Amino acid sequence: MDIKIRKATVEDLPTVFNLVKEFATYLGKIEKVKTTPDEFKQQMDYFTCLIAENSKDEIVGYALFSTLFHTWSGKSIYLDDLYVKDEYRRSSVGTMLVCGLIDYAKHKKVKYLNWQVLNWNESAINFYRKMGATVGDDNLNCSFTIQ
């Protein structure tokens, strides 16, 4: 399979946004998507997105993340989403995106990569473990909704 990993451009964001909605639907959480394609374009300074393209230049997956400072380990990346279209799963596209993210992190001298995975998503948990990630610790998710 001929897949290319590259950094997303502003022109890619409408397609990425559609994949975000597809991912949210897969997770059963489409009602939680409150952003718009315009917000993605306006807020691009706050995130980076790697995309996976097939030989027809169609976006078939993405990794969207932000750089931050972690008090214990320094410069860090928080991976918000990693998604691959269903027909491209089990074809190494997710692995290519993770490897692209790790290469990006090394280039930027990032020391720590963090993300969340839903406890019922066994295929994702197994994928991350196979890649060498530590899955699960003693942290619980906390959030505030600011209106």
N, C-alpha and C. Protein backbone atom coordinates (compact mmCIF):
# COMPACT_ATOMS: atom_id res chain seq x y z
N MET A 1 0.84 -1.18 0.00
CA MET A 1 0.00 0.00 0.00
C MET A 1 0.89 1.24 0.00
N ASP A 2 0.60 2.13 -0.90
CA ASP A 2 1.39 3.35 -1.05
C ASP A 2 0.75 4.47 -0.23
N ILE A 3 1.30 4.70 0.96
CA ILE A 3 0.79 5.73 1.88
C ILE A 3 1.90 6.73 2.16
N LYS A 4 1.53 7.99 2.14
CA LYS A 4 2.47 9.08 2.43
C LYS A 4 1.99 9.79 3.69
N ILE A 5 2.91 10.06 4.62
CA ILE A 5 2.60 10.82 5.83
C ILE A 5 3.19 12.21 5.66
N ARG A 6 2.37 13.22 5.90
CA ARG A 6 2.85 14.60 5.80
C ARG A 6 2.08 15.48 6.77
N LYS A 7 2.63 16.66 6.99
CA LYS A 7 1.97 17.64 7.84
C LYS A 7 0.78 18.23 7.08
N ALA A 8 -0.34 18.36 7.75
CA ALA A 8 -1.54 18.92 7.13
C ALA A 8 -1.36 20.40 6.85
N THR A 9 -2.00 20.85 5.80
CA THR A 9 -2.06 22.27 5.47
C THR A 9 -3.47 22.77 5.77
N VAL A 10 -3.65 24.06 5.71
CA VAL A 10 -4.97 24.64 5.96
C VAL A 10 -5.99 24.10 4.95
N GLU A 11 -5.54 23.81 3.73
CA GLU A 11 -6.45 23.27 2.71
C GLU A 11 -6.95 21.86 3.07
N ASP A 12 -6.19 21.14 3.89
CA ASP A 12 -6.57 19.78 4.30
C ASP A 12 -7.61 19.77 5.41
N LEU A 13 -7.77 20.88 6.10
CA LEU A 13 -8.57 20.88 7.33
C LEU A 13 -10.05 20.52 7.15
N PRO A 14 -10.72 20.91 6.07
CA PRO A 14 -12.11 20.45 5.92
C PRO A 14 -12.22 18.92 5.87
N THR A 15 -11.29 18.27 5.18
CA THR A 15 -11.30 16.80 5.12
C THR A 15 -10.97 16.21 6.48
N VAL A 16 -9.98 16.80 7.16
CA VAL A 16 -9.64 16.33 8.51
C VAL A 16 -10.84 16.48 9.43
N PHE A 17 -11.54 17.60 9.33
CA PHE A 17 -12.71 17.81 10.17
C PHE A 17 -13.77 16.73 9.91
N ASN A 18 -13.97 16.37 8.66
CA ASN A 18 -14.92 15.29 8.35
C ASN A 18 -14.47 13.97 8.98
N LEU A 19 -13.17 13.72 8.99
CA LEU A 19 -12.66 12.51 9.64
C LEU A 19 -12.82 12.58 11.16
N VAL A 20 -12.70 13.78 11.73
CA VAL A 20 -12.95 13.97 13.17
C VAL A 20 -14.39 13.55 13.49
N LYS A 21 -15.33 13.98 12.67
CA LYS A 21 -16.73 13.61 12.88
C LYS A 21 -16.93 12.10 12.69
N GLU A 22 -16.24 11.53 11.72
CA GLU A 22 -16.32 10.08 11.50
C GLU A 22 -15.79 9.33 12.71
N PHE A 23 -14.68 9.82 13.27
CA PHE A 23 -14.08 9.21 14.47
C PHE A 23 -15.04 9.33 15.65
N ALA A 24 -15.62 10.50 15.83
CA ALA A 24 -16.57 10.71 16.94
C ALA A 24 -17.77 9.79 16.80
N THR A 25 -18.23 9.58 15.59
CA THR A 25 -19.34 8.66 15.34
C THR A 25 -18.93 7.24 15.71
N TYR A 26 -17.73 6.83 15.31
CA TYR A 26 -17.21 5.51 15.65
C TYR A 26 -17.18 5.31 17.17
N LEU A 27 -16.81 6.36 17.90
CA LEU A 27 -16.74 6.29 19.36
C LEU A 27 -18.11 6.44 20.03
N GLY A 28 -19.13 6.74 19.24
CA GLY A 28 -20.46 6.96 19.81
C GLY A 28 -20.58 8.28 20.53
N LYS A 29 -19.81 9.28 20.09
CA LYS A 29 -19.78 10.57 20.79
C LYS A 29 -19.91 11.75 19.83
N ILE A 30 -20.62 11.58 18.72
CA ILE A 30 -20.73 12.65 17.73
C ILE A 30 -21.31 13.93 18.33
N GLU A 31 -22.18 13.79 19.33
CA GLU A 31 -22.79 14.98 19.95
C GLU A 31 -21.76 15.83 20.70
N LYS A 32 -20.60 15.29 20.98
CA LYS A 32 -19.56 16.03 21.70
C LYS A 32 -18.75 16.95 20.79
N VAL A 33 -18.86 16.76 19.47
CA VAL A 33 -18.10 17.59 18.52
C VAL A 33 -18.77 18.96 18.45
N LYS A 34 -18.12 19.96 19.01
CA LYS A 34 -18.66 21.32 19.05
C LYS A 34 -17.88 22.27 18.14
N THR A 35 -16.76 21.80 17.61
CA THR A 35 -15.95 22.65 16.74
C THR A 35 -16.53 22.69 15.33
N THR A 36 -15.99 23.60 14.52
CA THR A 36 -16.40 23.74 13.12
C THR A 36 -15.14 23.75 12.25
N PRO A 37 -15.29 23.54 10.95
CA PRO A 37 -14.13 23.65 10.06
C PRO A 37 -13.46 25.02 10.15
N ASP A 38 -14.26 26.07 10.29
CA ASP A 38 -13.69 27.42 10.41
C ASP A 38 -12.85 27.55 11.68
N GLU A 39 -13.31 26.96 12.79
CA GLU A 39 -12.52 27.01 14.03
C GLU A 39 -11.19 26.28 13.84
N PHE A 40 -11.21 25.18 13.13
CA PHE A 40 -9.97 24.46 12.85
C PHE A 40 -8.99 25.39 12.14
N LYS A 41 -9.47 26.09 11.13
CA LYS A 41 -8.60 27.00 10.37
C LYS A 41 -8.10 28.14 11.26
N GLN A 42 -8.99 28.72 12.06
CA GLN A 42 -8.64 29.85 12.91
C GLN A 42 -7.68 29.46 14.04
N GLN A 43 -7.74 28.22 14.49
CA GLN A 43 -6.97 27.79 15.65
C GLN A 43 -5.75 26.94 15.28
N MET A 44 -5.37 26.91 14.03
CA MET A 44 -4.29 26.03 13.59
C MET A 44 -2.95 26.33 14.27
N ASP A 45 -2.80 27.52 14.85
CA ASP A 45 -1.57 27.83 15.60
C ASP A 45 -1.45 26.97 16.86
N TYR A 46 -2.55 26.40 17.32
CA TYR A 46 -2.57 25.66 18.58
C TYR A 46 -2.40 24.15 18.43
N PHE A 47 -2.40 23.65 17.21
CA PHE A 47 -2.25 22.22 17.02
C PHE A 47 -1.46 21.92 15.75
N THR A 48 -1.01 20.71 15.67
CA THR A 48 -0.35 20.19 14.47
C THR A 48 -1.11 18.93 14.07
N CYS A 49 -1.15 18.68 12.79
CA CYS A 49 -1.86 17.51 12.30
C CYS A 49 -1.01 16.83 11.24
N LEU A 50 -0.77 15.55 11.43
CA LEU A 50 -0.15 14.73 10.40
C LEU A 50 -1.27 13.97 9.71
N ILE A 51 -1.16 13.86 8.40
CA ILE A 51 -2.16 13.11 7.66
C ILE A 51 -1.51 11.97 6.89
N ALA A 52 -2.30 10.93 6.66
CA ALA A 52 -1.90 9.81 5.82
C ALA A 52 -2.70 9.92 4.53
N GLU A 53 -1.98 9.93 3.41
CA GLU A 53 -2.61 10.02 2.09
C GLU A 53 -2.34 8.76 1.30
N ASN A 54 -3.34 8.31 0.55
CA ASN A 54 -3.13 7.17 -0.33
C ASN A 54 -2.56 7.64 -1.67
N SER A 55 -2.39 6.73 -2.60
CA SER A 55 -1.78 7.07 -3.89
C SER A 55 -2.64 8.00 -4.73
N LYS A 56 -3.92 8.16 -4.37
CA LYS A 56 -4.82 9.09 -5.07
C LYS A 56 -4.89 10.44 -4.36
N ASP A 57 -3.98 10.67 -3.41
CA ASP A 57 -3.94 11.90 -2.60
C ASP A 57 -5.19 12.10 -1.76
N GLU A 58 -5.85 10.99 -1.39
CA GLU A 58 -6.99 11.05 -0.49
C GLU A 58 -6.49 10.87 0.94
N ILE A 59 -7.00 11.69 1.85
CA ILE A 59 -6.62 11.58 3.25
C ILE A 59 -7.38 10.40 3.86
N VAL A 60 -6.62 9.44 4.39
CA VAL A 60 -7.23 8.22 4.93
C VAL A 60 -7.01 8.07 6.43
N GLY A 61 -6.31 9.01 7.04
CA GLY A 61 -6.08 8.98 8.47
C GLY A 61 -5.39 10.25 8.92
N TYR A 62 -5.40 10.48 10.23
CA TYR A 62 -4.75 11.67 10.77
C TYR A 62 -4.33 11.44 12.21
N ALA A 63 -3.36 12.23 12.62
CA ALA A 63 -2.94 12.33 14.03
C ALA A 63 -2.92 13.82 14.34
N LEU A 64 -3.76 14.25 15.26
CA LEU A 64 -3.85 15.67 15.61
C LEU A 64 -3.34 15.82 17.04
N PHE A 65 -2.40 16.75 17.24
CA PHE A 65 -1.75 16.86 18.54
C PHE A 65 -1.32 18.29 18.83
N SER A 66 -0.98 18.53 20.09
CA SER A 66 -0.51 19.84 20.55
C SER A 66 0.77 19.66 21.35
N THR A 67 1.63 20.64 21.24
CA THR A 67 2.85 20.66 22.05
C THR A 67 2.57 21.44 23.32
N LEU A 68 3.08 20.94 24.44
CA LEU A 68 2.88 21.61 25.72
C LEU A 68 4.10 21.38 26.60
N PHE A 69 4.08 22.00 27.75
CA PHE A 69 5.15 21.82 28.71
C PHE A 69 4.62 20.99 29.87
N HIS A 70 5.24 19.85 30.11
CA HIS A 70 4.87 18.96 31.20
C HIS A 70 5.84 19.23 32.36
N THR A 71 5.32 19.50 33.54
CA THR A 71 6.17 19.93 34.65
C THR A 71 7.21 18.89 35.05
N TRP A 72 6.93 17.63 34.83
CA TRP A 72 7.88 16.59 35.25
C TRP A 72 8.87 16.20 34.17
N SER A 73 8.47 16.33 32.92
CA SER A 73 9.36 15.84 31.85
C SER A 73 9.73 16.89 30.82
N GLY A 74 9.19 18.09 30.91
CA GLY A 74 9.55 19.14 29.97
C GLY A 74 8.64 19.16 28.75
N LYS A 75 9.23 19.51 27.62
CA LYS A 75 8.48 19.65 26.38
C LYS A 75 7.80 18.32 26.03
N SER A 76 6.50 18.39 25.78
CA SER A 76 5.69 17.20 25.61
C SER A 76 4.72 17.37 24.44
N ILE A 77 4.15 16.26 24.03
CA ILE A 77 3.08 16.28 23.02
C ILE A 77 1.88 15.57 23.61
N TYR A 78 0.72 16.18 23.41
CA TYR A 78 -0.53 15.52 23.75
C TYR A 78 -1.22 15.18 22.43
N LEU A 79 -1.38 13.89 22.19
CA LEU A 79 -2.07 13.39 21.00
C LEU A 79 -3.56 13.40 21.29
N ASP A 80 -4.30 14.25 20.60
CA ASP A 80 -5.73 14.35 20.84
C ASP A 80 -6.48 13.26 20.07
N ASP A 81 -6.14 13.07 18.81
CA ASP A 81 -6.81 12.05 17.99
C ASP A 81 -5.80 11.31 17.13
N LEU A 82 -6.02 10.02 17.00
CA LEU A 82 -5.35 9.19 16.00
C LEU A 82 -6.47 8.38 15.37
N TYR A 83 -6.69 8.59 14.09
CA TYR A 83 -7.81 7.92 13.42
C TYR A 83 -7.40 7.49 12.02
N VAL A 84 -7.83 6.28 11.67
CA VAL A 84 -7.62 5.72 10.34
C VAL A 84 -8.96 5.22 9.84
N LYS A 85 -9.29 5.58 8.60
CA LYS A 85 -10.55 5.11 8.02
C LYS A 85 -10.61 3.58 8.07
N ASP A 86 -11.80 3.08 8.27
CA ASP A 86 -12.00 1.65 8.48
C ASP A 86 -11.33 0.79 7.41
N GLU A 87 -11.47 1.14 6.16
CA GLU A 87 -10.92 0.29 5.09
C GLU A 87 -9.39 0.31 5.01
N TYR A 88 -8.75 1.19 5.79
CA TYR A 88 -7.28 1.25 5.81
C TYR A 88 -6.69 0.72 7.11
N ARG A 89 -7.56 0.29 8.03
CA ARG A 89 -7.05 -0.29 9.27
C ARG A 89 -6.43 -1.65 8.99
N ARG A 90 -5.53 -2.05 9.84
CA ARG A 90 -4.78 -3.31 9.69
C ARG A 90 -3.95 -3.32 8.41
N SER A 91 -3.56 -2.11 7.95
CA SER A 91 -2.71 -1.96 6.77
C SER A 91 -1.48 -1.12 7.10
N SER A 92 -1.16 -1.00 8.38
CA SER A 92 0.01 -0.26 8.87
C SER A 92 -0.11 1.26 8.79
N VAL A 93 -1.28 1.78 8.42
CA VAL A 93 -1.43 3.24 8.34
C VAL A 93 -1.31 3.86 9.72
N GLY A 94 -1.95 3.26 10.73
CA GLY A 94 -1.83 3.77 12.10
C GLY A 94 -0.40 3.74 12.58
N THR A 95 0.30 2.67 12.28
CA THR A 95 1.72 2.56 12.65
C THR A 95 2.53 3.66 11.98
N MET A 96 2.25 3.92 10.70
CA MET A 96 2.97 4.98 9.99
C MET A 96 2.70 6.35 10.61
N LEU A 97 1.45 6.59 11.02
CA LEU A 97 1.14 7.87 11.67
C LEU A 97 1.85 8.00 13.01
N VAL A 98 1.85 6.94 13.81
CA VAL A 98 2.54 6.98 15.10
C VAL A 98 4.04 7.17 14.89
N CYS A 99 4.61 6.47 13.94
CA CYS A 99 6.05 6.63 13.66
C CYS A 99 6.35 8.04 13.17
N GLY A 100 5.45 8.61 12.35
CA GLY A 100 5.60 10.00 11.92
C GLY A 100 5.54 10.96 13.09
N LEU A 101 4.66 10.69 14.04
CA LEU A 101 4.54 11.52 15.24
C LEU A 101 5.79 11.40 16.10
N ILE A 102 6.31 10.20 16.24
CA ILE A 102 7.53 10.00 17.03
C ILE A 102 8.71 10.72 16.36
N ASP A 103 8.81 10.63 15.04
CA ASP A 103 9.87 11.35 14.32
C ASP A 103 9.74 12.85 14.52
N TYR A 104 8.52 13.36 14.44
CA TYR A 104 8.26 14.78 14.67
C TYR A 104 8.71 15.16 16.08
N ALA A 105 8.33 14.33 17.05
CA ALA A 105 8.69 14.60 18.45
C ALA A 105 10.20 14.63 18.65
N LYS A 106 10.89 13.67 18.05
CA LYS A 106 12.36 13.65 18.16
C LYS A 106 12.97 14.89 17.54
N HIS A 107 12.47 15.28 16.37
CA HIS A 107 12.97 16.48 15.69
C HIS A 107 12.77 17.74 16.54
N LYS A 108 11.65 17.80 17.26
CA LYS A 108 11.33 18.96 18.10
C LYS A 108 11.89 18.82 19.52
N LYS A 109 12.65 17.74 19.76
CA LYS A 109 13.25 17.48 21.07
C LYS A 109 12.21 17.36 22.18
N VAL A 110 11.12 16.70 21.86
CA VAL A 110 10.05 16.42 22.81
C VAL A 110 10.45 15.18 23.61
N LYS A 111 10.18 15.22 24.91
CA LYS A 111 10.59 14.13 25.79
C LYS A 111 9.46 13.18 26.17
N TYR A 112 8.22 13.55 25.91
CA TYR A 112 7.10 12.78 26.44
C TYR A 112 5.93 12.90 25.48
N LEU A 113 5.28 11.79 25.21
CA LEU A 113 4.10 11.74 24.36
C LEU A 113 2.98 11.10 25.18
N ASN A 114 1.84 11.77 25.25
CA ASN A 114 0.75 11.32 26.08
C ASN A 114 -0.55 11.36 25.29
N TRP A 115 -1.47 10.45 25.59
CA TRP A 115 -2.79 10.43 24.98
C TRP A 115 -3.70 9.57 25.83
N GLN A 116 -4.95 9.52 25.43
CA GLN A 116 -5.94 8.71 26.14
C GLN A 116 -6.52 7.69 25.16
N VAL A 117 -6.96 6.59 25.71
CA VAL A 117 -7.67 5.58 24.93
C VAL A 117 -8.84 5.10 25.78
N LEU A 118 -9.98 4.93 25.16
CA LEU A 118 -11.14 4.46 25.90
C LEU A 118 -10.94 3.02 26.33
N ASN A 119 -11.35 2.71 27.55
CA ASN A 119 -11.07 1.38 28.11
C ASN A 119 -11.76 0.24 27.37
N TRP A 120 -12.78 0.52 26.59
CA TRP A 120 -13.46 -0.52 25.82
C TRP A 120 -12.85 -0.74 24.44
N ASN A 121 -11.94 0.15 24.03
CA ASN A 121 -11.38 0.08 22.68
C ASN A 121 -10.18 -0.87 22.65
N GLU A 122 -10.49 -2.16 22.74
CA GLU A 122 -9.44 -3.19 22.83
C GLU A 122 -8.50 -3.19 21.63
N SER A 123 -9.02 -2.93 20.43
CA SER A 123 -8.14 -2.93 19.26
C SER A 123 -7.11 -1.80 19.36
N ALA A 124 -7.53 -0.63 19.83
CA ALA A 124 -6.58 0.48 20.00
C ALA A 124 -5.59 0.18 21.12
N ILE A 125 -6.08 -0.35 22.22
CA ILE A 125 -5.21 -0.69 23.35
C ILE A 125 -4.15 -1.70 22.90
N ASN A 126 -4.57 -2.73 22.19
CA ASN A 126 -3.62 -3.73 21.69
C ASN A 126 -2.63 -3.13 20.70
N PHE A 127 -3.11 -2.24 19.84
CA PHE A 127 -2.24 -1.56 18.89
C PHE A 127 -1.15 -0.76 19.61
N TYR A 128 -1.56 0.04 20.61
CA TYR A 128 -0.59 0.86 21.34
C TYR A 128 0.42 -0.01 22.10
N ARG A 129 -0.06 -1.07 22.72
CA ARG A 129 0.85 -1.97 23.43
C ARG A 129 1.84 -2.62 22.47
N LYS A 130 1.36 -3.04 21.32
CA LYS A 130 2.23 -3.65 20.31
C LYS A 130 3.32 -2.68 19.86
N MET A 131 2.99 -1.38 19.84
CA MET A 131 3.96 -0.35 19.45
C MET A 131 4.93 -0.04 20.58
N GLY A 132 4.67 -0.57 21.78
CA GLY A 132 5.58 -0.36 22.90
C GLY A 132 5.12 0.68 23.91
N ALA A 133 3.89 1.15 23.77
CA ALA A 133 3.37 2.17 24.69
C ALA A 133 2.96 1.54 26.02
N THR A 134 3.06 2.34 27.06
CA THR A 134 2.50 1.97 28.35
C THR A 134 1.04 2.40 28.33
N VAL A 135 0.15 1.46 28.60
CA VAL A 135 -1.28 1.76 28.58
C VAL A 135 -1.81 1.59 29.99
N GLY A 136 -2.41 2.66 30.50
CA GLY A 136 -3.01 2.61 31.83
C GLY A 136 -2.03 3.03 32.91
N ASP A 137 -2.51 3.81 33.82
CA ASP A 137 -1.76 4.21 35.00
C ASP A 137 -2.76 4.60 36.06
N ASP A 138 -2.34 5.39 37.00
CA ASP A 138 -3.23 5.74 38.11
C ASP A 138 -3.94 7.07 37.92
N ASN A 139 -3.91 7.64 36.71
CA ASN A 139 -4.54 8.94 36.47
C ASN A 139 -5.99 8.77 36.05
N LEU A 140 -6.84 9.66 36.51
CA LEU A 140 -8.23 9.73 36.09
C LEU A 140 -8.43 11.01 35.31
N ASN A 141 -9.32 10.99 34.35
CA ASN A 141 -9.62 12.18 33.56
C ASN A 141 -10.45 13.15 34.38
N CYS A 142 -10.14 14.41 34.27
CA CYS A 142 -10.90 15.48 34.92
C CYS A 142 -11.11 16.57 33.88
N SER A 143 -12.24 17.26 33.96
CA SER A 143 -12.47 18.34 33.01
C SER A 143 -13.48 19.34 33.56
N PHE A 144 -13.41 20.53 33.04
CA PHE A 144 -14.41 21.57 33.26
C PHE A 144 -14.94 21.96 31.89
N THR A 145 -16.20 22.24 31.79
CA THR A 145 -16.76 22.84 30.59
C THR A 145 -16.88 24.33 30.86
N ILE A 146 -16.20 25.12 30.06
CA ILE A 146 -16.19 26.57 30.24
C ILE A 146 -17.17 27.18 29.24
N GLN A 147 -18.13 27.92 29.72
CA GLN A 147 -19.13 28.50 28.82
C GLN A 147 -19.09 30.00 28.85
